[in-house]
Amino acid sequence: MTMPTLQVENLQTHFKSRGGIARAVDDVSFSVAPGQVMGLVGESGSGKSMTGYSIMGLIDAPGRVVGGRILLNGQDLRTVSAEQMRSLRGNRIAMIFQDPMMTLSPVLRIDTQMVETVLAHQSIGKQAALTLARDALVRVGIAAPDERLHAYPHQFSGGMRQRVAIAIALLNRPDLIICDEPTTALDVTIQGQILFEMQKLCRETGTALIWITHDLSVVAGLADTVSVMYAGRIVESGTVAQVLSQPRHPYTHGLIASAPSRNPRGSPLRQIPGSTPSLLKLPSGCAFRDRCSYATEVCTDTPPTRTVDGRALRCFHPIEAMP
């Protein structure tokens, strides 16, 4: 069997504050194979982005990764030095942020930023690096790339800045790319183009991709597998066909049922009752139990992760599969 590009085992990321300890990521495990796309979905505040930042080593105080392993091609990223991690970022592992200005410097031209990204990790000439930069801009749908290379970020629209940030992440063809809702600011046409290019990149180069989003329709068309997060934990994971067609966890079922496209015309929109609990005051046992119509007394205990119908599920009362 092929070794997974990324293997996360029992990852825990905590934030210490005066109000207590917020368990932003709590016992999260998953793996992504070469050329595979994994969708990481859930409500805002469920821990999706923090999982990505933990993998990248971008957790700042008072946050800290307190447990688990993060294996990139078999190498535990938690044991490497800060200098080694810097050499890996942007080279073997890259992240595309929701806000493109987290990637772009406002005082440097686009060609300077892209060429520096290439030369920091590849021993090639400046002209060859410039050619790679131009090709990357073409790949993400930016017209007149030669002209745009000489522009500054403030001369771009928000959507174009995001496309430049995506192009920078693709420059060194990394083994793993983590995408934190990068197409949120893009129109549907450009979004479709970016998703197509991402799928093509994974197929051709074997790059593993983690796509963090709350948009289930994007996951349905892009990902091979999907993991659903709630309150810092993965509650259900499996293939896209399994999880989105036959959800077994009540939270996953509620997410899919609340999509407006699944709502009968003229009827009130469906929603999950209540709201996401504070990570500082999580209920005992299953964090979803106060919002779940299937909850019983046993849900005051923490449900273990078990395999049900070929998927990983963290629930005492999984919904029965439909015929």
C-alpha atoms as a PDB file:
ATOM      1  CA  MET A   1       0.000   0.000   0.000  1.00  0.00           C
ATOM      2  CA  THR A   2       1.129   3.576  -0.716  1.00  0.00           C
ATOM      3  CA  MET A   3       2.178   5.560   2.349  1.00  0.00           C
ATOM      4  CA  PRO A   4      -0.239   8.453   3.043  1.00  0.00           C
ATOM      5  CA  THR A   5       1.146  11.875   2.206  1.00  0.00           C
ATOM      6  CA  LEU A   6      -0.286  13.156   5.488  1.00  0.00           C
ATOM      7  CA  GLN A   7      -1.284  11.181   8.542  1.00  0.00           C
ATOM      8  CA  VAL A   8      -2.716  13.016  11.553  1.00  0.00           C
ATOM      9  CA  GLU A   9      -3.032  10.970  14.737  1.00  0.00           C
ATOM     10  CA  ASN A  10      -4.918  12.130  17.852  1.00  0.00           C
ATOM     11  CA  LEU A  11      -4.079  15.799  17.249  1.00  0.00           C
ATOM     12  CA  GLN A  12      -4.853  18.164  20.131  1.00  0.00           C
ATOM     13  CA  THR A  13      -4.518  21.950  20.003  1.00  0.00           C
ATOM     14  CA  HIS A  14      -5.477  23.938  23.101  1.00  0.00           C
ATOM     15  CA  PHE A  15      -5.705  27.649  23.891  1.00  0.00           C
ATOM     16  CA  LYS A  16      -5.134  28.638  27.503  1.00  0.00           C
ATOM     17  CA  SER A  17      -7.019  31.705  28.747  1.00  0.00           C
ATOM     18  CA  ARG A  18      -8.292  33.213  31.983  1.00  0.00           C
ATOM     19  CA  GLY A  19     -11.645  31.544  31.378  1.00  0.00           C
ATOM     20  CA  GLY A  20     -10.087  28.097  31.059  1.00  0.00           C
ATOM     21  CA  ILE A  21      -8.692  25.902  28.304  1.00  0.00           C
ATOM     22  CA  ALA A  22     -10.348  25.970  24.879  1.00  0.00           C
ATOM     23  CA  ARG A  23      -9.886  22.641  23.107  1.00  0.00           C
ATOM     24  CA  ALA A  24      -9.937  23.965  19.541  1.00  0.00           C
ATOM     25  CA  VAL A  25      -8.766  20.628  18.127  1.00  0.00           C
ATOM     26  CA  ASP A  26      -9.501  17.607  20.288  1.00  0.00           C
ATOM     27  CA  ASP A  27      -8.326  14.095  19.357  1.00  0.00           C
ATOM     28  CA  VAL A  28      -8.483  14.538  15.555  1.00  0.00           C
ATOM     29  CA  SER A  29      -7.214  11.732  13.304  1.00  0.00           C
ATOM     30  CA  PHE A  30      -7.285  11.352   9.507  1.00  0.00           C
ATOM     31  CA  SER A  31      -5.021  10.594   6.563  1.00  0.00           C
ATOM     32  CA  VAL A  32      -4.722  11.860   2.991  1.00  0.00           C
ATOM     33  CA  ALA A  33      -3.173   9.728   0.250  1.00  0.00           C
ATOM     34  CA  PRO A  34      -1.132  11.022  -2.724  1.00  0.00           C
ATOM     35  CA  GLY A  35      -3.446  12.537  -5.321  1.00  0.00           C
ATOM     36  CA  GLN A  36      -6.430  12.456  -2.941  1.00  0.00           C
ATOM     37  CA  VAL A  37      -8.699  15.376  -2.063  1.00  0.00           C
ATOM     38  CA  MET A  38     -10.177  15.445   1.446  1.00  0.00           C
ATOM     39  CA  GLY A  39     -12.959  17.863   2.343  1.00  0.00           C
ATOM     40  CA  LEU A  40     -13.004  19.157   5.932  1.00  0.00           C
ATOM     41  CA  VAL A  41     -16.432  20.621   6.680  1.00  0.00           C
ATOM     42  CA  GLY A  42     -18.361  22.018   9.639  1.00  0.00           C
ATOM     43  CA  GLU A  43     -19.865  25.172  11.089  1.00  0.00           C
ATOM     44  CA  SER A  44     -17.794  28.254  11.880  1.00  0.00           C
ATOM     45  CA  GLY A  45     -15.798  27.647  15.050  1.00  0.00           C
ATOM     46  CA  SER A  46     -15.741  23.866  14.662  1.00  0.00           C
ATOM     47  CA  GLY A  47     -11.926  23.737  14.485  1.00  0.00           C
ATOM     48  CA  LYS A  48     -11.403  23.310  10.728  1.00  0.00           C
ATOM     49  CA  SER A  49      -8.960  26.185  10.242  1.00  0.00           C
ATOM     50  CA  MET A  50      -7.146  25.439  13.509  1.00  0.00           C
ATOM     51  CA  THR A  51      -6.525  21.918  12.255  1.00  0.00           C
ATOM     52  CA  GLY A  52      -4.895  23.380   9.146  1.00  0.00           C
ATOM     53  CA  TYR A  53      -2.818  25.879  11.138  1.00  0.00           C
ATOM     54  CA  SER A  54      -1.698  23.083  13.490  1.00  0.00           C
ATOM     55  CA  ILE A  55      -0.436  21.025  10.551  1.00  0.00           C
ATOM     56  CA  MET A  56       1.430  24.050   9.169  1.00  0.00           C
ATOM     57  CA  GLY A  57       2.962  24.886  12.557  1.00  0.00           C
ATOM     58  CA  LEU A  58       1.284  28.298  12.604  1.00  0.00           C
ATOM     59  CA  ILE A  59      -0.293  28.191  16.065  1.00  0.00           C
ATOM     60  CA  ASP A  60       0.739  31.232  18.095  1.00  0.00           C
ATOM     61  CA  ALA A  61       0.585  31.714  21.870  1.00  0.00           C
ATOM     62  CA  PRO A  62      -1.541  31.249  23.895  1.00  0.00           C
ATOM     63  CA  GLY A  63      -2.351  28.334  21.578  1.00  0.00           C
ATOM     64  CA  ARG A  64      -0.238  25.179  21.525  1.00  0.00           C
ATOM     65  CA  VAL A  65      -0.315  21.734  19.965  1.00  0.00           C
ATOM     66  CA  VAL A  66      -0.304  19.586  23.106  1.00  0.00           C
ATOM     67  CA  GLY A  67      -0.667  16.077  21.725  1.00  0.00           C
ATOM     68  CA  GLY A  68      -0.723  13.774  18.730  1.00  0.00           C
ATOM     69  CA  ARG A  69       1.437  13.260  15.666  1.00  0.00           C
ATOM     70  CA  ILE A  70       1.504  15.001  12.262  1.00  0.00           C
ATOM     71  CA  LEU A  71       3.288  12.762   9.759  1.00  0.00           C
ATOM     72  CA  LEU A  72       4.213  14.241   6.356  1.00  0.00           C
ATOM     73  CA  ASN A  73       5.600  11.423   4.200  1.00  0.00           C
ATOM     74  CA  GLY A  74       6.412   9.600   7.431  1.00  0.00           C
ATOM     75  CA  GLN A  75       8.204  12.561   9.070  1.00  0.00           C
ATOM     76  CA  ASP A  76       6.661  13.881  12.286  1.00  0.00           C
ATOM     77  CA  LEU A  77       6.359  17.652  11.842  1.00  0.00           C
ATOM     78  CA  ARG A  78       6.104  18.125  15.603  1.00  0.00           C
ATOM     79  CA  THR A  79       9.711  16.967  16.019  1.00  0.00           C
ATOM     80  CA  VAL A  80      11.398  19.108  13.325  1.00  0.00           C
ATOM     81  CA  SER A  81      13.204  22.356  14.139  1.00  0.00           C
ATOM     82  CA  ALA A  82      11.801  25.785  13.301  1.00  0.00           C
ATOM     83  CA  GLU A  83      14.386  26.139  10.506  1.00  0.00           C
ATOM     84  CA  GLN A  84      13.417  22.783   8.984  1.00  0.00           C
ATOM     85  CA  MET A  85       9.746  23.742   9.157  1.00  0.00           C
ATOM     86  CA  ARG A  86      10.452  26.986   7.296  1.00  0.00           C
ATOM     87  CA  SER A  87      12.138  25.008   4.510  1.00  0.00           C
ATOM     88  CA  LEU A  88       9.104  22.726   4.246  1.00  0.00           C
ATOM     89  CA  ARG A  89       6.508  25.521   4.121  1.00  0.00           C
ATOM     90  CA  GLY A  90       5.908  26.759   0.608  1.00  0.00           C
ATOM     91  CA  ASN A  91       7.950  23.852  -0.730  1.00  0.00           C
ATOM     92  CA  ARG A  92       6.631  20.435   0.327  1.00  0.00           C
ATOM     93  CA  ILE A  93       3.582  21.794   2.153  1.00  0.00           C
ATOM     94  CA  ALA A  94       1.595  24.935   1.336  1.00  0.00           C
ATOM     95  CA  MET A  95      -1.515  26.682   2.631  1.00  0.00           C
ATOM     96  CA  ILE A  96      -3.948  28.947   0.827  1.00  0.00           C
ATOM     97  CA  PHE A  97      -5.701  31.294   3.244  1.00  0.00           C
ATOM     98  CA  GLN A  98      -9.190  32.765   3.073  1.00  0.00           C
ATOM     99  CA  ASP A  99      -7.688  36.274   3.159  1.00  0.00           C
ATOM    100  CA  PRO A 100      -5.137  36.647   0.326  1.00  0.00           C
ATOM    101  CA  MET A 101      -3.335  39.470   2.149  1.00  0.00           C
ATOM    102  CA  MET A 102      -2.096  36.855   4.633  1.00  0.00           C
ATOM    103  CA  THR A 103       0.021  35.618   1.706  1.00  0.00           C
ATOM    104  CA  LEU A 104       0.827  38.808  -0.223  1.00  0.00           C
ATOM    105  CA  SER A 105       3.049  41.682   0.878  1.00  0.00           C
ATOM    106  CA  PRO A 106       1.460  45.056   0.013  1.00  0.00           C
ATOM    107  CA  VAL A 107       4.829  46.729  -0.677  1.00  0.00           C
ATOM    108  CA  LEU A 108       6.325  44.237  -3.176  1.00  0.00           C
ATOM    109  CA  ARG A 109       5.437  43.655  -6.803  1.00  0.00           C
ATOM    110  CA  ILE A 110       3.819  40.338  -7.714  1.00  0.00           C
ATOM    111  CA  ASP A 111       6.829  39.168  -9.772  1.00  0.00           C
ATOM    112  CA  THR A 112       9.170  39.829  -6.839  1.00  0.00           C
ATOM    113  CA  GLN A 113       7.027  37.812  -4.443  1.00  0.00           C
ATOM    114  CA  MET A 114       6.550  34.886  -6.816  1.00  0.00           C
ATOM    115  CA  VAL A 115      10.194  34.705  -7.939  1.00  0.00           C
ATOM    116  CA  GLU A 116      11.397  34.802  -4.306  1.00  0.00           C
ATOM    117  CA  THR A 117       9.048  31.921  -3.500  1.00  0.00           C
ATOM    118  CA  VAL A 118      10.605  29.806  -6.262  1.00  0.00           C
ATOM    119  CA  LEU A 119      14.248  30.744  -5.593  1.00  0.00           C
ATOM    120  CA  ALA A 120      13.871  30.040  -1.864  1.00  0.00           C
ATOM    121  CA  HIS A 121      13.341  26.343  -2.633  1.00  0.00           C
ATOM    122  CA  GLN A 122      14.688  25.667  -6.147  1.00  0.00           C
ATOM    123  CA  SER A 123      18.175  26.120  -7.597  1.00  0.00           C
ATOM    124  CA  ILE A 124      17.185  27.699 -10.902  1.00  0.00           C
ATOM    125  CA  GLY A 125      17.829  31.032 -12.604  1.00  0.00           C
ATOM    126  CA  LYS A 126      15.713  34.131 -12.120  1.00  0.00           C
ATOM    127  CA  GLN A 127      14.380  33.986 -15.687  1.00  0.00           C
ATOM    128  CA  ALA A 128      13.278  30.372 -15.254  1.00  0.00           C
ATOM    129  CA  ALA A 129      11.574  31.329 -11.976  1.00  0.00           C
ATOM    130  CA  LEU A 130       9.807  34.188 -13.767  1.00  0.00           C
ATOM    131  CA  THR A 131       8.543  31.756 -16.409  1.00  0.00           C
ATOM    132  CA  LEU A 132       7.151  29.487 -13.677  1.00  0.00           C
ATOM    133  CA  ALA A 133       5.431  32.500 -12.092  1.00  0.00           C
ATOM    134  CA  ARG A 134       3.864  33.545 -15.396  1.00  0.00           C
ATOM    135  CA  ASP A 135       2.614  29.995 -16.093  1.00  0.00           C
ATOM    136  CA  ALA A 136       1.093  29.822 -12.595  1.00  0.00           C
ATOM    137  CA  LEU A 137      -0.864  33.052 -13.198  1.00  0.00           C
ATOM    138  CA  VAL A 138      -2.184  31.680 -16.499  1.00  0.00           C
ATOM    139  CA  ARG A 139      -3.243  28.474 -14.743  1.00  0.00           C
ATOM    140  CA  VAL A 140      -5.491  30.368 -12.301  1.00  0.00           C
ATOM    141  CA  GLY A 141      -7.128  32.436 -15.051  1.00  0.00           C
ATOM    142  CA  ILE A 142      -5.380  35.807 -14.814  1.00  0.00           C
ATOM    143  CA  ALA A 143      -5.401  37.650 -18.136  1.00  0.00           C
ATOM    144  CA  ALA A 144      -2.351  39.624 -19.360  1.00  0.00           C
ATOM    145  CA  PRO A 145       0.027  37.808 -16.974  1.00  0.00           C
ATOM    146  CA  ASP A 146       3.127  39.722 -18.131  1.00  0.00           C
ATOM    147  CA  GLU A 147       1.487  43.010 -17.202  1.00  0.00           C
ATOM    148  CA  ARG A 148       0.086  41.678 -13.933  1.00  0.00           C
ATOM    149  CA  LEU A 149       3.493  40.419 -12.807  1.00  0.00           C
ATOM    150  CA  HIS A 150       4.665  44.044 -12.618  1.00  0.00           C
ATOM    151  CA  ALA A 151       1.671  45.191 -10.561  1.00  0.00           C
ATOM    152  CA  TYR A 152       1.276  45.598  -6.787  1.00  0.00           C
ATOM    153  CA  PRO A 153      -1.426  43.789  -4.743  1.00  0.00           C
ATOM    154  CA  HIS A 154      -3.442  47.015  -4.250  1.00  0.00           C
ATOM    155  CA  GLN A 155      -3.909  47.193  -8.040  1.00  0.00           C
ATOM    156  CA  PHE A 156      -5.844  43.897  -7.996  1.00  0.00           C
ATOM    157  CA  SER A 157      -9.428  43.208  -7.028  1.00  0.00           C
ATOM    158  CA  GLY A 158     -10.043  40.943  -4.038  1.00  0.00           C
ATOM    159  CA  GLY A 159     -10.798  37.976  -6.279  1.00  0.00           C
ATOM    160  CA  MET A 160      -7.655  38.519  -8.368  1.00  0.00           C
ATOM    161  CA  ARG A 161      -5.516  38.773  -5.224  1.00  0.00           C
ATOM    162  CA  GLN A 162      -6.900  35.427  -4.144  1.00  0.00           C
ATOM    163  CA  ARG A 163      -6.002  33.891  -7.495  1.00  0.00           C
ATOM    164  CA  VAL A 164      -2.440  35.201  -7.145  1.00  0.00           C
ATOM    165  CA  ALA A 165      -2.237  33.636  -3.667  1.00  0.00           C
ATOM    166  CA  ILE A 166      -3.414  30.318  -5.108  1.00  0.00           C
ATOM    167  CA  ALA A 167      -0.821  30.598  -7.913  1.00  0.00           C
ATOM    168  CA  ILE A 168       1.949  31.130  -5.328  1.00  0.00           C
ATOM    169  CA  ALA A 169       0.882  27.981  -3.465  1.00  0.00           C
ATOM    170  CA  LEU A 170       1.092  25.982  -6.705  1.00  0.00           C
ATOM    171  CA  LEU A 171       4.541  27.263  -7.727  1.00  0.00           C
ATOM    172  CA  ASN A 172       6.713  24.529  -6.180  1.00  0.00           C
ATOM    173  CA  ARG A 173       4.190  21.713  -6.731  1.00  0.00           C
ATOM    174  CA  PRO A 174       4.079  20.737  -3.030  1.00  0.00           C
ATOM    175  CA  ASP A 175       3.226  17.269  -1.718  1.00  0.00           C
ATOM    176  CA  LEU A 176       0.355  18.713   0.347  1.00  0.00           C
ATOM    177  CA  ILE A 177      -1.803  21.802  -0.072  1.00  0.00           C
ATOM    178  CA  ILE A 178      -4.204  22.972   2.642  1.00  0.00           C
ATOM    179  CA  CYS A 179      -6.937  25.272   1.311  1.00  0.00           C
ATOM    180  CA  ASP A 180      -8.836  27.334   3.884  1.00  0.00           C
ATOM    181  CA  GLU A 181     -11.954  28.394   1.923  1.00  0.00           C
ATOM    182  CA  PRO A 182      -9.837  30.040  -0.807  1.00  0.00           C
ATOM    183  CA  THR A 183     -12.643  30.476  -3.345  1.00  0.00           C
ATOM    184  CA  THR A 184     -15.138  32.235  -1.039  1.00  0.00           C
ATOM    185  CA  ALA A 185     -14.430  35.661  -2.605  1.00  0.00           C
ATOM    186  CA  LEU A 186     -14.483  34.408  -6.207  1.00  0.00           C
ATOM    187  CA  ASP A 187     -17.398  34.359  -8.622  1.00  0.00           C
ATOM    188  CA  VAL A 188     -18.852  31.002  -9.635  1.00  0.00           C
ATOM    189  CA  THR A 189     -17.101  30.874 -13.032  1.00  0.00           C
ATOM    190  CA  ILE A 190     -13.621  31.461 -11.610  1.00  0.00           C
ATOM    191  CA  GLN A 191     -14.378  29.173  -8.677  1.00  0.00           C
ATOM    192  CA  GLY A 192     -15.174  26.343 -11.092  1.00  0.00           C
ATOM    193  CA  GLN A 193     -11.942  27.018 -12.977  1.00  0.00           C
ATOM    194  CA  ILE A 194      -9.860  26.929  -9.787  1.00  0.00           C
ATOM    195  CA  LEU A 195     -11.506  23.707  -8.608  1.00  0.00           C
ATOM    196  CA  PHE A 196     -10.820  22.094 -11.998  1.00  0.00           C
ATOM    197  CA  GLU A 197      -7.156  23.145 -11.854  1.00  0.00           C
ATOM    198  CA  MET A 198      -6.833  21.781  -8.310  1.00  0.00           C
ATOM    199  CA  GLN A 199      -8.267  18.407  -9.332  1.00  0.00           C
ATOM    200  CA  LYS A 200      -5.979  18.334 -12.381  1.00  0.00           C
ATOM    201  CA  LEU A 201      -2.934  19.144 -10.232  1.00  0.00           C
ATOM    202  CA  CYS A 202      -3.742  16.298  -7.824  1.00  0.00           C
ATOM    203  CA  ARG A 203      -4.222  13.792 -10.654  1.00  0.00           C
ATOM    204  CA  GLU A 204      -1.063  14.766 -12.554  1.00  0.00           C
ATOM    205  CA  THR A 205       1.412  15.343  -9.716  1.00  0.00           C
ATOM    206  CA  GLY A 206       0.081  13.229  -6.848  1.00  0.00           C
ATOM    207  CA  THR A 207      -0.356  16.287  -4.634  1.00  0.00           C
ATOM    208  CA  ALA A 208      -2.614  15.621  -1.634  1.00  0.00           C
ATOM    209  CA  LEU A 209      -5.220  18.300  -0.964  1.00  0.00           C
ATOM    210  CA  ILE A 210      -7.204  19.269   2.138  1.00  0.00           C
ATOM    211  CA  TRP A 211     -10.116  21.573   1.270  1.00  0.00           C
ATOM    212  CA  ILE A 212     -11.533  23.362   4.323  1.00  0.00           C
ATOM    213  CA  THR A 213     -15.026  24.719   3.679  1.00  0.00           C
ATOM    214  CA  HIS A 214     -18.613  24.996   4.865  1.00  0.00           C
ATOM    215  CA  ASP A 215     -19.930  24.621   1.295  1.00  0.00           C
ATOM    216  CA  LEU A 216     -21.095  21.033   0.869  1.00  0.00           C
ATOM    217  CA  SER A 217     -21.703  21.502  -2.860  1.00  0.00           C
ATOM    218  CA  VAL A 218     -17.995  22.253  -3.400  1.00  0.00           C
ATOM    219  CA  VAL A 219     -17.015  19.139  -1.447  1.00  0.00           C
ATOM    220  CA  ALA A 220     -19.485  17.003  -3.424  1.00  0.00           C
ATOM    221  CA  GLY A 221     -17.890  17.992  -6.719  1.00  0.00           C
ATOM    222  CA  LEU A 222     -14.237  18.184  -5.644  1.00  0.00           C
ATOM    223  CA  ALA A 223     -13.367  15.762  -2.850  1.00  0.00           C
ATOM    224  CA  ASP A 224     -12.816  12.007  -2.687  1.00  0.00           C
ATOM    225  CA  THR A 225     -13.322  11.774   1.071  1.00  0.00           C
ATOM    226  CA  VAL A 226     -14.927  14.073   3.617  1.00  0.00           C
ATOM    227  CA  SER A 227     -14.505  14.591   7.367  1.00  0.00           C
ATOM    228  CA  VAL A 228     -17.180  16.445   9.343  1.00  0.00           C
ATOM    229  CA  MET A 229     -16.015  18.452  12.381  1.00  0.00           C
ATOM    230  CA  TYR A 230     -18.010  19.670  15.349  1.00  0.00           C
ATOM    231  CA  ALA A 231     -16.625  21.398  18.461  1.00  0.00           C
ATOM    232  CA  GLY A 232     -13.038  20.391  17.713  1.00  0.00           C
ATOM    233  CA  ARG A 233     -13.712  16.752  16.893  1.00  0.00           C
ATOM    234  CA  ILE A 234     -14.319  14.769  13.710  1.00  0.00           C
ATOM    235  CA  VAL A 235     -17.741  13.175  14.164  1.00  0.00           C
ATOM    236  CA  GLU A 236     -18.032  11.385  10.812  1.00  0.00           C
ATOM    237  CA  SER A 237     -15.666  10.633   7.943  1.00  0.00           C
ATOM    238  CA  GLY A 238     -15.762   8.474   4.842  1.00  0.00           C
ATOM    239  CA  THR A 239     -16.090   8.721   1.103  1.00  0.00           C
ATOM    240  CA  VAL A 240     -18.107  11.611  -0.324  1.00  0.00           C
ATOM    241  CA  ALA A 241     -20.719   9.193  -1.652  1.00  0.00           C
ATOM    242  CA  GLN A 242     -21.126   7.575   1.772  1.00  0.00           C
ATOM    243  CA  VAL A 243     -21.262  10.682   3.934  1.00  0.00           C
ATOM    244  CA  LEU A 244     -23.268  13.051   1.712  1.00  0.00           C
ATOM    245  CA  SER A 245     -25.701  10.467   0.334  1.00  0.00           C
ATOM    246  CA  GLN A 246     -26.251   8.447   3.516  1.00  0.00           C
ATOM    247  CA  PRO A 247     -25.209  10.548   6.563  1.00  0.00           C
ATOM    248  CA  ARG A 248     -25.248   8.491   9.758  1.00  0.00           C
ATOM    249  CA  HIS A 249     -24.313  11.134  12.362  1.00  0.00           C
ATOM    250  CA  PRO A 250     -27.206  13.433  13.391  1.00  0.00           C
ATOM    251  CA  TYR A 251     -24.990  16.516  12.932  1.00  0.00           C
ATOM    252  CA  THR A 252     -24.001  15.560   9.381  1.00  0.00           C
ATOM    253  CA  HIS A 253     -27.659  14.859   8.611  1.00  0.00           C
ATOM    254  CA  GLY A 254     -28.620  18.287   9.983  1.00  0.00           C
ATOM    255  CA  LEU A 255     -25.967  20.066   7.905  1.00  0.00           C
ATOM    256  CA  ILE A 256     -27.137  18.442   4.670  1.00  0.00           C
ATOM    257  CA  ALA A 257     -30.839  18.891   5.457  1.00  0.00           C
ATOM    258  CA  SER A 258     -30.324  22.631   6.122  1.00  0.00           C
ATOM    259  CA  ALA A 259     -29.067  23.270   2.568  1.00  0.00           C
ATOM    260  CA  PRO A 260     -31.654  25.525   0.850  1.00  0.00           C
ATOM    261  CA  SER A 261     -31.575  23.406  -2.310  1.00  0.00           C
ATOM    262  CA  ARG A 262     -33.025  20.462  -0.360  1.00  0.00           C
ATOM    263  CA  ASN A 263     -35.887  22.520   1.032  1.00  0.00           C
ATOM    264  CA  PRO A 264     -39.389  22.245  -0.521  1.00  0.00           C
ATOM    265  CA  ARG A 265     -40.451  25.465  -2.215  1.00  0.00           C
ATOM    266  CA  GLY A 266     -42.498  27.736   0.062  1.00  0.00           C
ATOM    267  CA  SER A 267     -41.725  25.867   3.295  1.00  0.00           C
ATOM    268  CA  PRO A 268     -39.595  27.283   6.155  1.00  0.00           C
ATOM    269  CA  LEU A 269     -35.871  26.582   5.887  1.00  0.00           C
ATOM    270  CA  ARG A 270     -34.701  23.670   7.992  1.00  0.00           C
ATOM    271  CA  GLN A 271     -32.065  24.329  10.619  1.00  0.00           C
ATOM    272  CA  ILE A 272     -30.180  22.637  13.417  1.00  0.00           C
ATOM    273  CA  PRO A 273     -31.692  23.816  16.722  1.00  0.00           C
ATOM    274  CA  GLY A 274     -29.542  25.793  19.140  1.00  0.00           C
ATOM    275  CA  SER A 275     -26.035  27.051  18.473  1.00  0.00           C
ATOM    276  CA  THR A 276     -22.466  25.780  18.667  1.00  0.00           C
ATOM    277  CA  PRO A 277     -21.333  25.618  22.330  1.00  0.00           C
ATOM    278  CA  SER A 278     -18.389  27.640  23.622  1.00  0.00           C
ATOM    279  CA  LEU A 279     -15.161  25.644  23.527  1.00  0.00           C
ATOM    280  CA  LEU A 280     -14.561  26.859  27.094  1.00  0.00           C
ATOM    281  CA  LYS A 281     -17.854  25.359  28.305  1.00  0.00           C
ATOM    282  CA  LEU A 282     -18.405  22.192  26.316  1.00  0.00           C
ATOM    283  CA  PRO A 283     -21.041  19.821  27.736  1.00  0.00           C
ATOM    284  CA  SER A 284     -19.821  16.530  29.128  1.00  0.00           C
ATOM    285  CA  GLY A 285     -19.747  13.601  26.745  1.00  0.00           C
ATOM    286  CA  CYS A 286     -20.965  14.252  23.207  1.00  0.00           C
ATOM    287  CA  ALA A 287     -20.715  17.991  22.464  1.00  0.00           C
ATOM    288  CA  PHE A 288     -23.698  17.794  20.099  1.00  0.00           C
ATOM    289  CA  ARG A 289     -26.112  16.181  22.550  1.00  0.00           C
ATOM    290  CA  ASP A 290     -27.888  19.397  23.605  1.00  0.00           C
ATOM    291  CA  ARG A 291     -28.878  20.005  19.958  1.00  0.00           C
ATOM    292  CA  CYS A 292     -29.586  16.373  19.038  1.00  0.00           C
ATOM    293  CA  SER A 293     -33.058  14.797  18.931  1.00  0.00           C
ATOM    294  CA  TYR A 294     -31.497  11.309  19.260  1.00  0.00           C
ATOM    295  CA  ALA A 295     -29.615  12.051  22.513  1.00  0.00           C
ATOM    296  CA  THR A 296     -30.153   9.840  25.569  1.00  0.00           C
ATOM    297  CA  GLU A 297     -28.525   9.480  28.977  1.00  0.00           C
ATOM    298  CA  VAL A 298     -25.619   7.486  27.508  1.00  0.00           C
ATOM    299  CA  CYS A 299     -24.581  10.571  25.511  1.00  0.00           C
ATOM    300  CA  THR A 300     -23.220  12.144  28.707  1.00  0.00           C
ATOM    301  CA  ASP A 301     -20.247   9.818  28.113  1.00  0.00           C
ATOM    302  CA  THR A 302     -17.749  10.594  25.347  1.00  0.00           C
ATOM    303  CA  PRO A 303     -18.566   8.436  22.316  1.00  0.00           C
ATOM    304  CA  PRO A 304     -15.597   6.505  20.901  1.00  0.00           C
ATOM    305  CA  THR A 305     -14.758   6.563  17.199  1.00  0.00           C
ATOM    306  CA  ARG A 306     -15.911   3.321  15.593  1.00  0.00           C
ATOM    307  CA  THR A 307     -16.333   1.966  12.090  1.00  0.00           C
ATOM    308  CA  VAL A 308     -19.914   1.775  10.802  1.00  0.00           C
ATOM    309  CA  ASP A 309     -20.616   0.773   7.188  1.00  0.00           C
ATOM    310  CA  GLY A 310     -17.015   1.470   6.211  1.00  0.00           C
ATOM    311  CA  ARG A 311     -16.919   4.971   7.689  1.00  0.00           C
ATOM    312  CA  ALA A 312     -15.535   6.390  10.950  1.00  0.00           C
ATOM    313  CA  LEU A 313     -18.342   7.555  13.241  1.00  0.00           C
ATOM    314  CA  ARG A 314     -18.352   9.139  16.694  1.00  0.00           C
ATOM    315  CA  CYS A 315     -21.919   8.591  17.904  1.00  0.00           C
ATOM    316  CA  PHE A 316     -23.888   6.290  20.231  1.00  0.00           C
ATOM    317  CA  HIS A 317     -27.060   6.563  18.139  1.00  0.00           C
ATOM    318  CA  PRO A 318     -26.194   6.595  14.417  1.00  0.00           C
ATOM    319  CA  ILE A 319     -29.085   7.238  12.075  1.00  0.00           C
ATOM    320  CA  GLU A 320     -30.277   4.094  10.341  1.00  0.00           C
ATOM    321  CA  ALA A 321     -29.152   3.854   6.708  1.00  0.00           C
ATOM    322  CA  MET A 322     -31.929   4.318   4.175  1.00  0.00           C
ATOM    323  CA  PRO A 323     -32.482   1.469   1.687  1.00  0.00           C
END
